[in-house]
Amino acid sequence: MAEPAQIDVAHVAKLARLNLTEKETRLFQAQLGRVLEYAEKLREPDTSKVETAAHAVPIFNVFREDEPRAEFTAEVALSNAPRQANGLFIVTKVVE
């Protein structure tokens, strides 16, 4: 197995403007090393004979057909509006 790439935790922390102690830097370097070792294990199984799939299980469209209906009019929608004018909802300004 190839040697996993070393990531300079102190440099990444500096770029992220994180102030890490030397002890935290060593701890994170060790933890990151273990994560990279585990990720490297994903290269071990032979997947050359596995068919490519977008999902692990088949997905089917379970939605109904989109059909227009005339059950909901503008008047019905506005009937519960606390404030309305000229067939429009009146809302509080949210942008300064």
N, C-alpha and C. Protein backbone atom coordinates (compact mmCIF):
# COMPACT_ATOMS: atom_id res chain seq x y z
N MET A 1 0.86 -1.18 0.00
CA MET A 1 0.00 0.00 0.00
C MET A 1 0.90 1.24 0.00
N ALA A 2 0.51 2.23 -0.77
CA ALA A 2 1.28 3.46 -0.87
C ALA A 2 1.19 4.26 0.42
N GLU A 3 2.23 5.02 0.68
CA GLU A 3 2.26 5.89 1.87
C GLU A 3 1.24 7.00 1.70
N PRO A 4 0.31 7.17 2.68
CA PRO A 4 -0.69 8.24 2.54
C PRO A 4 -0.04 9.62 2.57
N ALA A 5 -0.62 10.54 1.86
CA ALA A 5 -0.08 11.90 1.78
C ALA A 5 -0.14 12.56 3.15
N GLN A 6 0.89 13.32 3.45
CA GLN A 6 0.93 14.06 4.70
C GLN A 6 0.36 15.45 4.48
N ILE A 7 -0.55 15.84 5.33
CA ILE A 7 -1.14 17.17 5.25
C ILE A 7 -0.59 17.99 6.40
N ASP A 8 -0.09 19.16 6.09
CA ASP A 8 0.48 20.05 7.11
C ASP A 8 -0.66 20.72 7.86
N VAL A 9 -1.02 20.16 9.01
CA VAL A 9 -2.15 20.66 9.81
C VAL A 9 -1.90 22.10 10.26
N ALA A 10 -0.68 22.43 10.62
CA ALA A 10 -0.37 23.79 11.06
C ALA A 10 -0.62 24.79 9.94
N HIS A 11 -0.24 24.43 8.72
CA HIS A 11 -0.46 25.32 7.57
C HIS A 11 -1.95 25.48 7.28
N VAL A 12 -2.68 24.38 7.30
CA VAL A 12 -4.13 24.44 7.05
C VAL A 12 -4.81 25.25 8.14
N ALA A 13 -4.40 25.08 9.38
CA ALA A 13 -4.97 25.85 10.48
C ALA A 13 -4.70 27.34 10.30
N LYS A 14 -3.51 27.67 9.83
CA LYS A 14 -3.18 29.08 9.58
C LYS A 14 -4.07 29.65 8.48
N LEU A 15 -4.26 28.88 7.40
CA LEU A 15 -5.13 29.34 6.32
C LEU A 15 -6.57 29.54 6.80
N ALA A 16 -7.01 28.69 7.72
CA ALA A 16 -8.36 28.77 8.26
C ALA A 16 -8.44 29.76 9.42
N ARG A 17 -7.32 30.39 9.72
CA ARG A 17 -7.22 31.36 10.82
C ARG A 17 -7.62 30.73 12.16
N LEU A 18 -7.13 29.51 12.37
CA LEU A 18 -7.34 28.81 13.64
C LEU A 18 -6.03 28.87 14.42
N ASN A 19 -6.12 29.22 15.67
CA ASN A 19 -4.94 29.25 16.53
C ASN A 19 -4.88 27.95 17.31
N LEU A 20 -4.08 27.01 16.80
CA LEU A 20 -3.92 25.72 17.45
C LEU A 20 -2.64 25.70 18.27
N THR A 21 -2.72 25.04 19.40
CA THR A 21 -1.50 24.84 20.19
C THR A 21 -0.69 23.73 19.52
N GLU A 22 0.55 23.59 19.93
CA GLU A 22 1.41 22.53 19.38
C GLU A 22 0.82 21.16 19.69
N LYS A 23 0.24 21.02 20.87
CA LYS A 23 -0.38 19.74 21.26
C LYS A 23 -1.59 19.43 20.37
N GLU A 24 -2.42 20.44 20.10
CA GLU A 24 -3.59 20.24 19.23
C GLU A 24 -3.15 19.91 17.81
N THR A 25 -2.10 20.55 17.34
CA THR A 25 -1.60 20.30 15.99
C THR A 25 -1.14 18.85 15.87
N ARG A 26 -0.40 18.36 16.84
CA ARG A 26 0.06 16.96 16.82
C ARG A 26 -1.12 16.00 16.88
N LEU A 27 -2.11 16.32 17.74
CA LEU A 27 -3.29 15.47 17.88
C LEU A 27 -4.06 15.41 16.56
N PHE A 28 -4.31 16.56 15.95
CA PHE A 28 -5.05 16.58 14.69
C PHE A 28 -4.28 15.90 13.57
N GLN A 29 -2.95 16.03 13.56
CA GLN A 29 -2.12 15.37 12.54
C GLN A 29 -2.26 13.86 12.68
N ALA A 30 -2.25 13.36 13.92
CA ALA A 30 -2.39 11.93 14.15
C ALA A 30 -3.79 11.45 13.74
N GLN A 31 -4.81 12.21 14.11
CA GLN A 31 -6.17 11.83 13.76
C GLN A 31 -6.37 11.84 12.25
N LEU A 32 -5.85 12.85 11.59
CA LEU A 32 -5.97 12.93 10.14
C LEU A 32 -5.23 11.78 9.47
N GLY A 33 -4.09 11.41 10.02
CA GLY A 33 -3.35 10.28 9.49
C GLY A 33 -4.15 8.99 9.57
N ARG A 34 -4.87 8.79 10.68
CA ARG A 34 -5.71 7.59 10.82
C ARG A 34 -6.88 7.62 9.83
N VAL A 35 -7.45 8.79 9.61
CA VAL A 35 -8.55 8.92 8.64
C VAL A 35 -8.04 8.58 7.24
N LEU A 36 -6.87 9.10 6.87
CA LEU A 36 -6.32 8.83 5.55
C LEU A 36 -5.96 7.36 5.38
N GLU A 37 -5.47 6.71 6.45
CA GLU A 37 -5.17 5.28 6.39
C GLU A 37 -6.45 4.49 6.14
N TYR A 38 -7.52 4.87 6.82
CA TYR A 38 -8.79 4.17 6.64
C TYR A 38 -9.32 4.40 5.22
N ALA A 39 -9.21 5.63 4.72
CA ALA A 39 -9.67 5.91 3.36
C ALA A 39 -8.86 5.12 2.34
N GLU A 40 -7.61 4.87 2.62
CA GLU A 40 -6.75 4.10 1.71
C GLU A 40 -7.24 2.65 1.62
N LYS A 41 -7.88 2.14 2.66
CA LYS A 41 -8.41 0.77 2.64
C LYS A 41 -9.51 0.61 1.59
N LEU A 42 -10.15 1.71 1.21
CA LEU A 42 -11.20 1.63 0.21
C LEU A 42 -10.66 1.27 -1.17
N ARG A 43 -9.35 1.38 -1.36
CA ARG A 43 -8.74 1.02 -2.63
C ARG A 43 -8.46 -0.49 -2.72
N GLU A 44 -8.51 -1.19 -1.60
CA GLU A 44 -8.12 -2.60 -1.57
C GLU A 44 -9.07 -3.53 -2.32
N PRO A 45 -10.39 -3.45 -2.14
CA PRO A 45 -11.27 -4.41 -2.82
C PRO A 45 -11.22 -4.25 -4.34
N ASP A 46 -11.31 -5.38 -5.04
CA ASP A 46 -11.32 -5.35 -6.51
C ASP A 46 -12.73 -5.03 -6.97
N THR A 47 -12.92 -3.83 -7.51
CA THR A 47 -14.24 -3.40 -7.97
C THR A 47 -14.32 -3.37 -9.49
N SER A 48 -13.37 -3.98 -10.16
CA SER A 48 -13.34 -3.92 -11.62
C SER A 48 -14.52 -4.65 -12.25
N LYS A 49 -15.09 -5.64 -11.57
CA LYS A 49 -16.21 -6.39 -12.14
C LYS A 49 -17.56 -5.94 -11.58
N VAL A 50 -17.58 -4.83 -10.86
CA VAL A 50 -18.82 -4.30 -10.29
C VAL A 50 -19.40 -3.27 -11.24
N GLU A 51 -20.68 -3.43 -11.56
CA GLU A 51 -21.33 -2.50 -12.48
C GLU A 51 -21.49 -1.14 -11.81
N THR A 52 -21.22 -0.09 -12.56
CA THR A 52 -21.36 1.26 -12.04
C THR A 52 -22.83 1.57 -11.81
N ALA A 53 -23.12 2.19 -10.67
CA ALA A 53 -24.51 2.54 -10.35
C ALA A 53 -24.53 3.91 -9.69
N ALA A 54 -25.59 4.65 -9.97
CA ALA A 54 -25.73 5.95 -9.34
C ALA A 54 -26.24 5.82 -7.92
N HIS A 55 -27.02 4.76 -7.65
CA HIS A 55 -27.58 4.53 -6.32
C HIS A 55 -27.37 3.08 -5.94
N ALA A 56 -27.30 2.82 -4.65
CA ALA A 56 -27.12 1.46 -4.17
C ALA A 56 -28.36 0.61 -4.38
N VAL A 57 -29.52 1.24 -4.35
CA VAL A 57 -30.78 0.53 -4.57
C VAL A 57 -31.53 1.22 -5.70
N PRO A 58 -32.35 0.47 -6.43
CA PRO A 58 -33.11 1.10 -7.52
C PRO A 58 -34.07 2.16 -6.99
N ILE A 59 -34.20 3.24 -7.73
CA ILE A 59 -35.11 4.32 -7.34
C ILE A 59 -36.12 4.49 -8.46
N PHE A 60 -37.38 4.55 -8.08
CA PHE A 60 -38.46 4.72 -9.04
C PHE A 60 -39.21 5.99 -8.74
N ASN A 61 -39.72 6.64 -9.76
CA ASN A 61 -40.51 7.85 -9.59
C ASN A 61 -41.89 7.45 -9.08
N VAL A 62 -42.24 7.91 -7.89
CA VAL A 62 -43.52 7.53 -7.30
C VAL A 62 -44.50 8.70 -7.31
N PHE A 63 -44.19 9.74 -8.05
CA PHE A 63 -45.04 10.92 -8.08
C PHE A 63 -46.18 10.73 -9.08
N ARG A 64 -47.29 11.37 -8.80
CA ARG A 64 -48.42 11.34 -9.71
C ARG A 64 -48.14 12.27 -10.88
N GLU A 65 -48.90 12.11 -11.93
CA GLU A 65 -48.79 12.99 -13.08
C GLU A 65 -49.23 14.40 -12.67
N ASP A 66 -48.57 15.40 -13.19
CA ASP A 66 -48.90 16.78 -12.90
C ASP A 66 -50.04 17.22 -13.81
N GLU A 67 -51.21 17.36 -13.24
CA GLU A 67 -52.38 17.75 -14.02
C GLU A 67 -52.96 19.03 -13.45
N PRO A 68 -53.27 20.02 -14.29
CA PRO A 68 -53.83 21.28 -13.79
C PRO A 68 -55.24 21.05 -13.23
N ARG A 69 -55.52 21.76 -12.13
CA ARG A 69 -56.85 21.69 -11.52
C ARG A 69 -57.30 23.11 -11.21
N ALA A 70 -58.58 23.35 -11.31
CA ALA A 70 -59.14 24.68 -11.07
C ALA A 70 -59.80 24.74 -9.70
N GLU A 71 -59.21 24.11 -8.69
CA GLU A 71 -59.82 24.06 -7.37
C GLU A 71 -59.37 25.21 -6.47
N PHE A 72 -58.29 25.89 -6.80
CA PHE A 72 -57.72 26.88 -5.90
C PHE A 72 -57.62 28.21 -6.65
N THR A 73 -58.48 29.14 -6.34
CA THR A 73 -58.49 30.42 -7.03
C THR A 73 -57.73 31.46 -6.23
N ALA A 74 -57.46 32.59 -6.86
CA ALA A 74 -56.77 33.69 -6.18
C ALA A 74 -57.62 34.20 -5.02
N GLU A 75 -58.92 34.24 -5.20
CA GLU A 75 -59.81 34.71 -4.14
C GLU A 75 -59.73 33.80 -2.91
N VAL A 76 -59.67 32.50 -3.16
CA VAL A 76 -59.56 31.54 -2.04
C VAL A 76 -58.23 31.73 -1.33
N ALA A 77 -57.15 31.91 -2.09
CA ALA A 77 -55.84 32.10 -1.48
C ALA A 77 -55.80 33.37 -0.65
N LEU A 78 -56.39 34.43 -1.14
CA LEU A 78 -56.37 35.72 -0.43
C LEU A 78 -57.37 35.78 0.72
N SER A 79 -58.29 34.84 0.78
CA SER A 79 -59.33 34.89 1.81
C SER A 79 -58.77 34.81 3.23
N ASN A 80 -57.64 34.16 3.42
CA ASN A 80 -57.04 34.03 4.75
C ASN A 80 -55.89 35.01 4.98
N ALA A 81 -55.61 35.85 4.02
CA ALA A 81 -54.50 36.79 4.16
C ALA A 81 -54.85 37.87 5.17
N PRO A 82 -53.94 38.16 6.12
CA PRO A 82 -54.22 39.22 7.08
C PRO A 82 -54.30 40.59 6.41
N ARG A 83 -53.50 40.82 5.34
CA ARG A 83 -53.53 42.09 4.62
C ARG A 83 -53.45 41.80 3.14
N GLN A 84 -54.26 42.51 2.37
CA GLN A 84 -54.27 42.33 0.93
C GLN A 84 -54.71 43.62 0.26
N ALA A 85 -54.29 43.79 -0.99
CA ALA A 85 -54.70 44.96 -1.77
C ALA A 85 -54.55 44.63 -3.25
N ASN A 86 -55.52 45.00 -4.04
CA ASN A 86 -55.49 44.81 -5.49
C ASN A 86 -55.21 43.35 -5.88
N GLY A 87 -55.74 42.41 -5.13
CA GLY A 87 -55.54 40.99 -5.43
C GLY A 87 -54.15 40.48 -5.10
N LEU A 88 -53.40 41.19 -4.23
CA LEU A 88 -52.04 40.79 -3.86
C LEU A 88 -51.92 40.70 -2.35
N PHE A 89 -51.00 39.85 -1.88
CA PHE A 89 -50.68 39.78 -0.46
C PHE A 89 -49.85 41.00 -0.07
N ILE A 90 -50.11 41.60 1.07
CA ILE A 90 -49.29 42.68 1.61
C ILE A 90 -48.46 42.06 2.73
N VAL A 91 -47.14 42.15 2.60
CA VAL A 91 -46.23 41.57 3.59
C VAL A 91 -45.29 42.64 4.12
N THR A 92 -44.69 42.35 5.26
CA THR A 92 -43.74 43.25 5.87
C THR A 92 -42.43 43.26 5.08
N LYS A 93 -41.85 44.43 4.93
CA LYS A 93 -40.57 44.55 4.24
C LYS A 93 -39.50 43.83 5.03
N VAL A 94 -38.70 42.96 4.34
CA VAL A 94 -37.67 42.19 5.02
C VAL A 94 -36.27 42.58 4.59
N VAL A 95 -36.12 43.48 3.61
CA VAL A 95 -34.82 43.92 3.13
C VAL A 95 -34.64 45.37 3.53
N GLU A 96 -33.45 45.66 4.05
CA GLU A 96 -33.19 47.05 4.44
C GLU A 96 -32.55 47.82 3.33
